[in-house]
Amino acid sequence: MIFKVFYQENPDEVPVREKTKTLYIEAESEREVRQKLQGRTMNIEYIQPLEGAHLEYEKKNPDFKVLEI
C-alpha cells in the first residue's frame, strides 16, 4: 500500500501549514511507515493511506515519487 506522509523538516519548531512537505512511501501499515522513517530528522504530522481513485489522482501529480527505503 502507498502512504502519503505530511511532515515538517525541523522537529524542533512548531508546525506551520505553509512549511508542510509530503512524501510517498510503500509499506504494509502506518507502523511500518514510522519504522522506515525512524532515523530521519522530521516531525511527522499525518500519515494517509492512498488507494483507489485517490491514489490514481496523486499519481498525476508531477511530484509523485515513491520513496525507496
N, C-alpha and C. Protein backbone atom coordinates (compact mmCIF):
# COMPACT_ATOMS: atom_id res chain seq x y z
N MET A 1 0.84 -1.16 0.00
CA MET A 1 0.00 0.00 0.00
C MET A 1 0.90 1.24 0.00
N ILE A 2 0.44 2.29 -0.64
CA ILE A 2 1.16 3.55 -0.69
C ILE A 2 0.58 4.49 0.38
N PHE A 3 1.48 5.15 1.11
CA PHE A 3 1.07 6.12 2.12
C PHE A 3 1.63 7.49 1.77
N LYS A 4 0.85 8.52 2.04
CA LYS A 4 1.30 9.90 1.88
C LYS A 4 1.61 10.44 3.27
N VAL A 5 2.84 10.90 3.46
CA VAL A 5 3.29 11.37 4.77
C VAL A 5 3.42 12.90 4.72
N PHE A 6 2.72 13.58 5.62
CA PHE A 6 2.82 15.02 5.78
C PHE A 6 3.79 15.27 6.93
N TYR A 7 4.80 16.11 6.70
CA TYR A 7 5.82 16.30 7.73
C TYR A 7 6.41 17.71 7.69
N GLN A 8 7.09 18.07 8.76
CA GLN A 8 7.87 19.29 8.86
C GLN A 8 9.33 18.86 8.92
N GLU A 9 10.20 19.61 8.25
CA GLU A 9 11.61 19.23 8.22
C GLU A 9 12.31 19.44 9.55
N ASN A 10 11.92 20.46 10.31
CA ASN A 10 12.58 20.76 11.57
C ASN A 10 11.69 20.32 12.73
N PRO A 11 12.06 19.25 13.42
CA PRO A 11 11.21 18.76 14.51
C PRO A 11 11.21 19.64 15.76
N ASP A 12 12.12 20.61 15.82
CA ASP A 12 12.19 21.48 17.00
C ASP A 12 11.29 22.70 16.91
N GLU A 13 10.69 22.95 15.76
CA GLU A 13 9.83 24.11 15.58
C GLU A 13 8.36 23.71 15.63
N VAL A 14 7.53 24.69 15.94
CA VAL A 14 6.09 24.47 15.93
C VAL A 14 5.65 24.26 14.48
N PRO A 15 4.81 23.25 14.20
CA PRO A 15 4.37 23.02 12.82
C PRO A 15 3.61 24.22 12.25
N VAL A 16 3.97 24.59 11.03
CA VAL A 16 3.31 25.68 10.32
C VAL A 16 2.85 25.11 8.99
N ARG A 17 1.58 25.29 8.67
CA ARG A 17 0.99 24.67 7.48
C ARG A 17 1.78 24.99 6.21
N GLU A 18 2.26 26.22 6.08
CA GLU A 18 2.97 26.62 4.87
C GLU A 18 4.32 25.90 4.71
N LYS A 19 4.84 25.33 5.78
CA LYS A 19 6.11 24.62 5.72
C LYS A 19 5.93 23.10 5.63
N THR A 20 4.69 22.64 5.57
CA THR A 20 4.43 21.21 5.50
C THR A 20 4.87 20.65 4.15
N LYS A 21 5.58 19.55 4.19
CA LYS A 21 6.03 18.86 2.98
C LYS A 21 5.40 17.48 2.96
N THR A 22 5.46 16.84 1.81
CA THR A 22 4.89 15.49 1.69
C THR A 22 5.89 14.56 1.02
N LEU A 23 5.73 13.29 1.33
CA LEU A 23 6.47 12.25 0.64
C LEU A 23 5.57 11.03 0.56
N TYR A 24 5.89 10.16 -0.37
CA TYR A 24 5.11 8.94 -0.58
C TYR A 24 6.01 7.76 -0.28
N ILE A 25 5.44 6.77 0.40
CA ILE A 25 6.24 5.61 0.79
C ILE A 25 5.36 4.36 0.73
N GLU A 26 5.97 3.25 0.34
CA GLU A 26 5.24 1.98 0.28
C GLU A 26 5.51 1.19 1.54
N ALA A 27 4.42 0.71 2.16
CA ALA A 27 4.53 -0.07 3.39
C ALA A 27 3.24 -0.86 3.58
N GLU A 28 3.26 -1.77 4.54
CA GLU A 28 2.09 -2.58 4.85
C GLU A 28 1.15 -1.89 5.84
N SER A 29 1.71 -1.01 6.69
CA SER A 29 0.90 -0.37 7.73
C SER A 29 1.52 0.98 8.10
N GLU A 30 0.75 1.76 8.84
CA GLU A 30 1.26 3.04 9.33
C GLU A 30 2.46 2.82 10.26
N ARG A 31 2.41 1.79 11.04
CA ARG A 31 3.53 1.45 11.94
C ARG A 31 4.81 1.20 11.15
N GLU A 32 4.70 0.47 10.04
CA GLU A 32 5.87 0.20 9.21
C GLU A 32 6.41 1.49 8.59
N VAL A 33 5.53 2.41 8.22
CA VAL A 33 5.97 3.71 7.69
C VAL A 33 6.81 4.42 8.74
N ARG A 34 6.32 4.47 9.98
CA ARG A 34 7.06 5.13 11.06
C ARG A 34 8.40 4.45 11.31
N GLN A 35 8.44 3.13 11.22
CA GLN A 35 9.70 2.41 11.41
C GLN A 35 10.70 2.74 10.31
N LYS A 36 10.23 2.83 9.07
CA LYS A 36 11.11 3.14 7.95
C LYS A 36 11.68 4.56 8.05
N LEU A 37 10.91 5.48 8.62
CA LEU A 37 11.33 6.89 8.71
C LEU A 37 11.97 7.23 10.05
N GLN A 38 12.17 6.26 10.88
CA GLN A 38 12.63 6.47 12.25
C GLN A 38 13.94 7.24 12.38
N GLY A 39 14.91 7.01 11.55
CA GLY A 39 16.22 7.64 11.69
C GLY A 39 16.32 9.04 11.11
N ARG A 40 15.25 9.56 10.55
CA ARG A 40 15.29 10.87 9.90
C ARG A 40 14.85 11.97 10.85
N THR A 41 15.41 13.15 10.65
CA THR A 41 15.02 14.30 11.48
C THR A 41 13.84 14.99 10.83
N MET A 42 12.65 14.59 11.25
CA MET A 42 11.42 15.18 10.74
C MET A 42 10.33 15.03 11.78
N ASN A 43 9.36 15.92 11.70
CA ASN A 43 8.20 15.88 12.57
C ASN A 43 7.02 15.41 11.72
N ILE A 44 6.62 14.15 11.87
CA ILE A 44 5.52 13.60 11.09
C ILE A 44 4.21 14.15 11.65
N GLU A 45 3.43 14.81 10.79
CA GLU A 45 2.14 15.35 11.19
C GLU A 45 1.01 14.35 10.98
N TYR A 46 1.04 13.69 9.82
CA TYR A 46 -0.09 12.82 9.47
C TYR A 46 0.36 11.81 8.43
N ILE A 47 -0.13 10.60 8.54
CA ILE A 47 0.15 9.55 7.55
C ILE A 47 -1.20 9.11 6.98
N GLN A 48 -1.33 9.28 5.66
CA GLN A 48 -2.60 9.00 4.99
C GLN A 48 -2.45 7.84 4.01
N PRO A 49 -3.24 6.78 4.18
CA PRO A 49 -3.18 5.68 3.20
C PRO A 49 -3.84 6.12 1.90
N LEU A 50 -3.25 5.74 0.78
CA LEU A 50 -3.79 6.08 -0.54
C LEU A 50 -4.20 4.81 -1.25
N GLU A 51 -5.40 4.81 -1.80
CA GLU A 51 -5.87 3.68 -2.57
C GLU A 51 -6.98 4.11 -3.52
N GLY A 52 -7.22 3.31 -4.50
CA GLY A 52 -8.29 3.57 -5.44
C GLY A 52 -8.13 4.86 -6.22
N ALA A 53 -9.24 5.60 -6.34
CA ALA A 53 -9.26 6.84 -7.11
C ALA A 53 -8.33 7.90 -6.52
N HIS A 54 -8.21 7.91 -5.20
CA HIS A 54 -7.33 8.89 -4.56
C HIS A 54 -5.88 8.63 -4.96
N LEU A 55 -5.45 7.39 -5.00
CA LEU A 55 -4.09 7.05 -5.41
C LEU A 55 -3.87 7.42 -6.88
N GLU A 56 -4.83 7.15 -7.72
CA GLU A 56 -4.71 7.50 -9.14
C GLU A 56 -4.59 9.01 -9.32
N TYR A 57 -5.34 9.77 -8.53
CA TYR A 57 -5.25 11.23 -8.58
C TYR A 57 -3.85 11.70 -8.17
N GLU A 58 -3.32 11.14 -7.09
CA GLU A 58 -1.99 11.53 -6.61
C GLU A 58 -0.90 11.18 -7.62
N LYS A 59 -1.08 10.09 -8.37
CA LYS A 59 -0.09 9.68 -9.37
C LYS A 59 0.03 10.70 -10.50
N LYS A 60 -1.01 11.49 -10.71
CA LYS A 60 -0.98 12.52 -11.75
C LYS A 60 -0.15 13.74 -11.33
N ASN A 61 0.14 13.86 -10.04
CA ASN A 61 0.94 14.97 -9.53
C ASN A 61 2.38 14.80 -10.00
N PRO A 62 2.99 15.86 -10.57
CA PRO A 62 4.38 15.73 -11.03
C PRO A 62 5.37 15.43 -9.92
N ASP A 63 5.02 15.72 -8.67
CA ASP A 63 5.90 15.45 -7.53
C ASP A 63 5.74 14.04 -6.97
N PHE A 64 4.86 13.24 -7.57
CA PHE A 64 4.61 11.88 -7.07
C PHE A 64 5.83 11.01 -7.35
N LYS A 65 6.49 10.59 -6.28
CA LYS A 65 7.64 9.70 -6.38
C LYS A 65 7.67 8.89 -5.08
N VAL A 66 7.58 7.59 -5.20
CA VAL A 66 7.56 6.73 -4.02
C VAL A 66 9.00 6.59 -3.50
N LEU A 67 9.18 6.91 -2.23
CA LEU A 67 10.48 6.84 -1.58
C LEU A 67 10.91 5.40 -1.42
N GLU A 68 12.10 5.09 -1.85
CA GLU A 68 12.65 3.72 -1.72
C GLU A 68 13.52 3.63 -0.48
N ILE A 69 13.12 2.79 0.46
CA ILE A 69 13.92 2.59 1.68
C ILE A 69 14.21 1.12 1.84
